[in-house]
């Protein structure tokens, strides 16, 4: 389905919950009001939403996010239902509960998982996320044992993982692809971003990384015999090729992660005019996120969906 700039939008990131069992400082740094159960899309609504996106609107890729999606009651039926209608389904998790769910996710149709892992240093991990690194690593091992493909996502942060070798070596040891993601500032995280954010392109050059290829928005580099992928949404804007939308756990549609507008979608799920309403909203998708002009999203990342 084309947006107002001719981009073919076929990828949806659907948040299944705003809750998370970590407190990452760059994601949801402040207490936010807890949603009521009835505010959340139900299991059936999420499955119907995925069905509408694929069967009515031609979407070919869906990623389930949170918060932390594995804390959502009913996550396995959600995965099974979405996998039944979509050819490409992924899930992004912090890994803390992955040891419990890895085999169930595989049996429900998931073939790969993205695990957020910023560091392999236990103390640094606790300082950034408030969580237990050992649980995340156990989840990664369980996913590997279950035969799931693995990608490790690390938000690039000064003093946390600006030396990438430990993460690179760990990723290689578990057969995972490592991607360093340039931190995108939100209104609530400007102070932390000011202290920790790095220009990913400049960082790569400063370390003498050698370009080795491009895979969509991921630029690949070799470094000391290892491979790393870098996603630099600020220093190398790829908005012109954006093919995605985000849908929150309350059923609000964000055409752009950093756009000021969100559109109610919940009442359209399962209706005859779903496709036409989606076409109307996509026509309003902005050309670019506008971060360079200081247009910061006021909703926390963790409340939108990673």
Protein backbone atom coordinates (compact mmCIF):
# COMPACT_ATOMS: atom_id res chain seq x y z
CA UNK A 1 0.00 0.00 0.00
CA UNK A 2 1.54 3.31 -1.09
CA UNK A 3 1.83 6.36 1.13
CA UNK A 4 1.70 9.98 0.02
CA UNK A 5 5.35 9.87 -1.13
CA UNK A 6 5.09 6.66 -3.13
CA UNK A 7 6.70 4.45 -0.50
CA UNK A 8 5.33 0.92 -0.40
CA UNK A 9 4.24 0.39 3.23
CA UNK A 10 4.14 -3.33 3.95
CA UNK A 11 5.74 -3.75 7.40
CA UNK A 12 3.92 -3.25 10.72
CA UNK A 13 5.37 -3.29 14.21
CA UNK A 14 2.58 -4.17 16.63
CA UNK A 15 3.01 -3.60 20.37
CA UNK A 16 1.19 -6.21 22.43
CA UNK A 17 1.80 -4.56 25.83
CA UNK A 18 3.27 -1.43 27.38
CA UNK A 19 4.63 -3.41 30.34
CA UNK A 20 8.27 -4.40 30.64
CA UNK A 21 10.37 -6.29 33.16
CA UNK A 22 13.36 -3.96 32.59
CA UNK A 23 13.82 -0.22 33.05
CA UNK A 24 16.18 0.78 30.25
CA UNK A 25 17.20 4.40 30.69
CA UNK A 26 16.85 5.29 27.01
CA UNK A 27 13.43 3.67 26.57
CA UNK A 28 10.93 4.50 29.33
CA UNK A 29 12.89 6.54 31.86
CA UNK A 30 9.98 7.81 33.92
CA UNK A 31 6.89 6.28 35.52
CA UNK A 32 3.92 6.32 33.18
CA UNK A 33 0.29 5.67 34.10
CA UNK A 34 -0.56 1.98 34.08
CA UNK A 35 -3.10 1.09 31.44
CA UNK A 36 -6.33 -0.63 32.37
CA UNK A 37 -6.87 -4.13 30.99
CA UNK A 38 -9.72 -2.88 28.84
CA UNK A 39 -7.45 -0.23 27.30
CA UNK A 40 -5.32 -2.92 25.69
CA UNK A 41 -6.07 -4.65 22.43
CA UNK A 42 -7.29 -8.15 23.23
CA UNK A 43 -5.64 -11.31 21.92
CA UNK A 44 -8.41 -11.70 19.33
CA UNK A 45 -8.15 -8.04 18.29
CA UNK A 46 -4.40 -8.34 17.71
CA UNK A 47 -4.85 -11.49 15.62
CA UNK A 48 -7.63 -9.86 13.61
CA UNK A 49 -5.46 -6.77 13.16
CA UNK A 50 -2.66 -8.91 11.75
CA UNK A 51 -5.13 -10.67 9.47
CA UNK A 52 -6.51 -7.35 8.20
CA UNK A 53 -3.04 -5.97 7.55
CA UNK A 54 -1.97 -9.00 5.53
CA UNK A 55 -5.17 -10.08 3.80
CA UNK A 56 -6.76 -6.67 3.19
CA UNK A 57 -3.81 -4.28 2.96
CA UNK A 58 -1.06 -6.46 1.49
CA UNK A 59 1.40 -6.27 4.38
CA UNK A 60 4.07 -8.96 4.23
CA UNK A 61 5.98 -8.44 7.49
CA UNK A 62 4.87 -8.06 11.11
CA UNK A 63 7.05 -7.70 14.18
CA UNK A 64 5.57 -8.12 17.66
CA UNK A 65 6.99 -5.77 20.27
CA UNK A 66 6.23 -4.28 23.68
CA UNK A 67 7.14 -3.10 26.25
CA UNK A 68 8.35 -6.63 26.59
CA UNK A 69 6.08 -8.88 24.50
CA UNK A 70 6.78 -12.01 26.53
CA UNK A 71 5.12 -10.53 29.63
CA UNK A 72 1.85 -10.34 27.70
CA UNK A 73 -0.64 -13.00 28.73
CA UNK A 74 -1.65 -14.83 25.57
CA UNK A 75 1.54 -14.11 23.65
CA UNK A 76 1.78 -17.66 22.25
CA UNK A 77 -1.77 -17.65 20.81
CA UNK A 78 -1.06 -14.19 19.39
CA UNK A 79 2.08 -15.49 17.69
CA UNK A 80 0.27 -18.56 16.36
CA UNK A 81 -2.57 -16.47 14.97
CA UNK A 82 -0.30 -13.91 13.30
CA UNK A 83 1.98 -16.59 11.84
CA UNK A 84 -1.06 -18.23 10.25
CA UNK A 85 -1.67 -15.19 8.04
CA UNK A 86 1.70 -13.46 7.62
CA UNK A 87 4.70 -14.89 5.74
CA UNK A 88 7.28 -13.00 7.79
CA UNK A 89 6.72 -12.69 11.56
CA UNK A 90 9.35 -11.66 14.07
CA UNK A 91 9.46 -10.76 17.73
CA UNK A 92 11.73 -8.38 19.63
CA UNK A 93 12.46 -9.27 23.25
CA UNK A 94 14.92 -8.44 26.00
CA UNK A 95 15.44 -12.16 26.48
CA UNK A 96 14.64 -12.27 30.20
CA UNK A 97 11.71 -14.70 29.69
CA UNK A 98 12.97 -16.28 26.50
CA UNK A 99 14.21 -19.44 28.21
CA UNK A 100 10.59 -20.13 29.18
CA UNK A 101 9.07 -19.36 25.78
CA UNK A 102 11.65 -20.23 23.12
CA UNK A 103 10.27 -23.66 22.19
CA UNK A 104 6.65 -22.51 22.39
CA UNK A 105 7.40 -19.58 20.10
CA UNK A 106 9.12 -21.89 17.62
CA UNK A 107 6.19 -24.30 17.66
CA UNK A 108 3.78 -21.37 17.15
CA UNK A 109 5.61 -20.37 13.98
CA UNK A 110 8.41 -17.97 14.94
CA UNK A 111 11.66 -18.70 13.09
CA UNK A 112 13.86 -15.95 14.48
CA UNK A 113 14.04 -13.53 17.39
CA UNK A 114 15.68 -10.17 17.91
CA UNK A 115 17.13 -9.82 21.39
CA UNK A 116 18.00 -6.42 22.83
CA UNK A 117 21.42 -6.74 24.49
CA UNK A 118 23.51 -3.64 25.09
CA UNK A 119 26.43 -5.18 26.94
CA UNK A 120 27.90 -8.43 28.23
CA UNK A 121 29.17 -6.75 31.39
CA UNK A 122 26.87 -7.72 34.26
CA UNK A 123 27.34 -4.52 36.25
CA UNK A 124 26.89 -2.23 33.25
CA UNK A 125 23.82 -4.20 32.18
CA UNK A 126 22.25 -3.73 35.61
CA UNK A 127 23.07 -0.01 35.61
CA UNK A 128 21.47 0.57 32.18
CA UNK A 129 18.51 -1.82 32.37
CA UNK A 130 17.99 -2.62 36.05
CA UNK A 131 17.92 -6.32 35.14
CA UNK A 132 19.88 -9.55 35.47
CA UNK A 133 22.20 -10.24 32.54
CA UNK A 134 22.31 -13.97 33.30
CA UNK A 135 18.59 -14.32 32.59
CA UNK A 136 18.99 -12.61 29.21
CA UNK A 137 21.94 -14.81 28.26
CA UNK A 138 20.03 -17.92 29.32
CA UNK A 139 17.19 -16.81 27.05
CA UNK A 140 19.57 -16.40 24.12
CA UNK A 141 20.99 -19.88 24.71
CA UNK A 142 17.47 -21.33 24.86
CA UNK A 143 16.55 -19.66 21.58
CA UNK A 144 19.66 -21.05 20.00
CA UNK A 145 18.92 -24.54 21.32
CA UNK A 146 15.39 -24.28 19.92
CA UNK A 147 16.83 -23.60 16.47
CA UNK A 148 15.68 -19.99 16.25
CA UNK A 149 17.65 -17.49 14.21
CA UNK A 150 19.22 -14.78 16.37
CA UNK A 151 19.88 -11.10 15.94
CA UNK A 152 21.30 -9.08 18.82
CA UNK A 153 20.34 -5.40 18.92
CA UNK A 154 22.52 -3.03 20.95
CA UNK A 155 21.77 0.67 21.33
CA UNK A 156 25.11 2.41 20.84
CA UNK A 157 26.04 4.25 24.04
CA UNK A 158 29.17 6.05 25.19
CA UNK A 159 30.74 4.24 28.12
CA UNK A 160 28.43 1.24 27.72
CA UNK A 161 29.35 -0.46 24.46
CA UNK A 162 31.50 1.99 22.49
CA UNK A 163 34.12 -0.78 22.59
CA UNK A 164 32.17 -3.31 20.50
CA UNK A 165 34.55 -6.25 20.73
CA UNK A 166 32.95 -8.03 23.72
CA UNK A 167 29.53 -7.92 22.07
CA UNK A 168 30.96 -8.95 18.71
CA UNK A 169 32.75 -11.92 20.21
CA UNK A 170 29.68 -12.98 22.15
CA UNK A 171 27.42 -12.68 19.10
CA UNK A 172 29.80 -14.83 17.11
CA UNK A 173 29.91 -17.44 19.88
CA UNK A 174 26.12 -17.91 19.73
CA UNK A 175 25.80 -17.65 15.97
CA UNK A 176 23.98 -14.31 16.09
CA UNK A 177 24.10 -11.24 13.88
CA UNK A 178 25.05 -8.13 15.88
CA UNK A 179 23.52 -4.76 15.03
CA UNK A 180 24.49 -1.53 16.75
CA UNK A 181 21.65 0.99 16.63
CA UNK A 182 22.20 4.72 16.83
CA UNK A 183 20.25 6.14 19.77
CA UNK A 184 17.19 8.11 18.72
CA UNK A 185 16.36 10.81 21.28
CA UNK A 186 12.84 11.26 22.63
CA UNK A 187 11.55 14.24 24.58
CA UNK A 188 11.87 12.31 27.85
CA UNK A 189 15.39 10.98 27.14
CA UNK A 190 17.17 14.10 25.90
CA UNK A 191 19.41 14.31 28.94
CA UNK A 192 20.49 10.68 28.74
CA UNK A 193 20.99 10.94 24.97
CA UNK A 194 23.10 14.04 25.47
CA UNK A 195 25.36 12.10 27.81
CA UNK A 196 25.52 8.78 25.96
CA UNK A 197 24.52 9.08 22.30
CA UNK A 198 27.16 8.73 19.59
CA UNK A 199 27.15 9.43 15.87
CA UNK A 200 27.38 5.86 14.60
CA UNK A 201 29.06 6.73 11.32
CA UNK A 202 31.77 8.79 13.04
CA UNK A 203 32.18 6.08 15.69
CA UNK A 204 32.72 3.39 13.06
CA UNK A 205 35.30 5.51 11.25
CA UNK A 206 37.11 6.34 14.50
CA UNK A 207 37.62 2.64 15.15
CA UNK A 208 38.84 1.97 11.63
CA UNK A 209 35.92 -0.29 10.69
CA UNK A 210 35.92 -1.38 7.05
CA UNK A 211 32.61 -1.23 5.09
CA UNK A 212 31.65 -4.70 3.89
CA UNK A 213 28.15 -4.34 2.41
CA UNK A 214 24.62 -3.02 2.76
CA UNK A 215 21.47 -4.93 3.68
CA UNK A 216 18.52 -2.55 3.55
CA UNK A 217 18.97 0.01 6.32
CA UNK A 218 21.83 -2.00 7.86
CA UNK A 219 25.35 -1.06 6.82
CA UNK A 220 27.80 -3.85 7.48
CA UNK A 221 31.37 -3.45 8.63
CA UNK A 222 34.30 -5.71 9.45
CA UNK A 223 36.33 -5.03 12.55
CA UNK A 224 39.23 -7.10 13.85
CA UNK A 225 38.02 -10.21 12.10
CA UNK A 226 34.37 -9.84 13.14
CA UNK A 227 31.31 -8.49 11.34
CA UNK A 228 28.90 -5.89 12.67
CA UNK A 229 25.81 -4.16 11.30
CA UNK A 230 25.11 -0.51 12.03
CA UNK A 231 21.69 1.17 11.85
CA UNK A 232 22.20 4.94 11.82
CA UNK A 233 18.79 6.60 11.63
CA UNK A 234 20.24 10.02 12.45
CA UNK A 235 23.64 10.23 10.79
CA UNK A 236 22.40 8.34 7.72
CA UNK A 237 18.69 9.08 7.41
CA UNK A 238 16.80 6.32 5.57
CA UNK A 239 13.31 7.82 5.79
CA UNK A 240 13.03 7.94 1.99
CA UNK A 241 12.96 4.13 1.98
CA UNK A 242 10.78 3.68 5.08
CA UNK A 243 8.21 0.91 4.62
CA UNK A 244 6.77 0.61 8.12
CA UNK A 245 4.13 1.75 10.55
CA UNK A 246 3.78 1.24 14.29
CA UNK A 247 0.63 0.27 16.16
CA UNK A 248 0.49 0.67 19.92
CA UNK A 249 -0.99 -1.81 22.37
CA UNK A 250 -4.04 0.47 22.68
CA UNK A 251 -4.67 0.44 18.93
CA UNK A 252 -3.21 3.81 17.95
CA UNK A 253 -1.45 3.93 14.58
CA UNK A 254 1.74 5.95 14.23
CA UNK A 255 2.71 6.39 10.57
CA UNK A 256 6.10 7.64 11.77
CA UNK A 257 7.89 6.75 15.01
CA UNK A 258 8.67 10.40 15.66
CA UNK A 259 5.61 11.91 14.05
CA UNK A 260 3.38 14.10 16.18
CA UNK A 261 0.18 12.42 15.02
CA UNK A 262 -1.33 9.08 16.06
CA UNK A 263 -4.57 7.79 14.61
CA UNK A 264 -7.18 5.54 16.30
CA UNK A 265 -7.32 2.16 14.60
CA UNK A 266 -9.03 -0.06 17.17
CA UNK A 267 -12.59 0.61 16.01
CA UNK A 268 -11.61 -0.21 12.43
CA UNK A 269 -10.19 -3.66 13.15
CA UNK A 270 -12.25 -6.32 11.42
CA UNK A 271 -14.45 -3.82 9.58
CA UNK A 272 -15.12 -3.47 5.86
CA UNK A 273 -13.53 -0.02 5.70
CA UNK A 274 -10.24 -1.06 7.37
CA UNK A 275 -8.28 -0.87 4.11
CA UNK A 276 -9.65 2.51 3.06
CA UNK A 277 -9.05 4.01 6.49
CA UNK A 278 -5.48 2.70 6.48
CA UNK A 279 -4.96 4.16 3.01
CA UNK A 280 -6.20 7.53 4.32
CA UNK A 281 -3.78 7.47 7.27
CA UNK A 282 -0.81 6.37 5.20
CA UNK A 283 -1.36 9.34 2.90
CA UNK A 284 -0.52 11.48 5.96
CA UNK A 285 2.79 9.75 6.73
CA UNK A 286 5.49 12.47 6.86
CA UNK A 287 8.47 12.45 4.52
CA UNK A 288 10.98 12.33 7.39
CA UNK A 289 11.16 12.03 11.18
CA UNK A 290 12.38 15.61 11.64
CA UNK A 291 14.81 14.83 14.47
CA UNK A 292 17.41 17.05 12.87
CA UNK A 293 15.03 19.96 13.39
CA UNK A 294 14.42 19.05 17.04
CA UNK A 295 11.02 17.42 16.54
CA UNK A 296 11.19 14.95 19.41
CA UNK A 297 8.47 12.41 20.10
CA UNK A 298 6.71 13.19 23.38
CA UNK A 299 5.59 9.59 23.91
CA UNK A 300 8.25 7.32 25.39
CA UNK A 301 9.67 4.62 23.12
CA UNK A 302 8.53 1.91 25.51
CA UNK A 303 4.95 3.12 25.29
CA UNK A 304 4.97 3.13 21.48
CA UNK A 305 6.61 -0.22 20.88
CA UNK A 306 10.23 -0.99 20.06
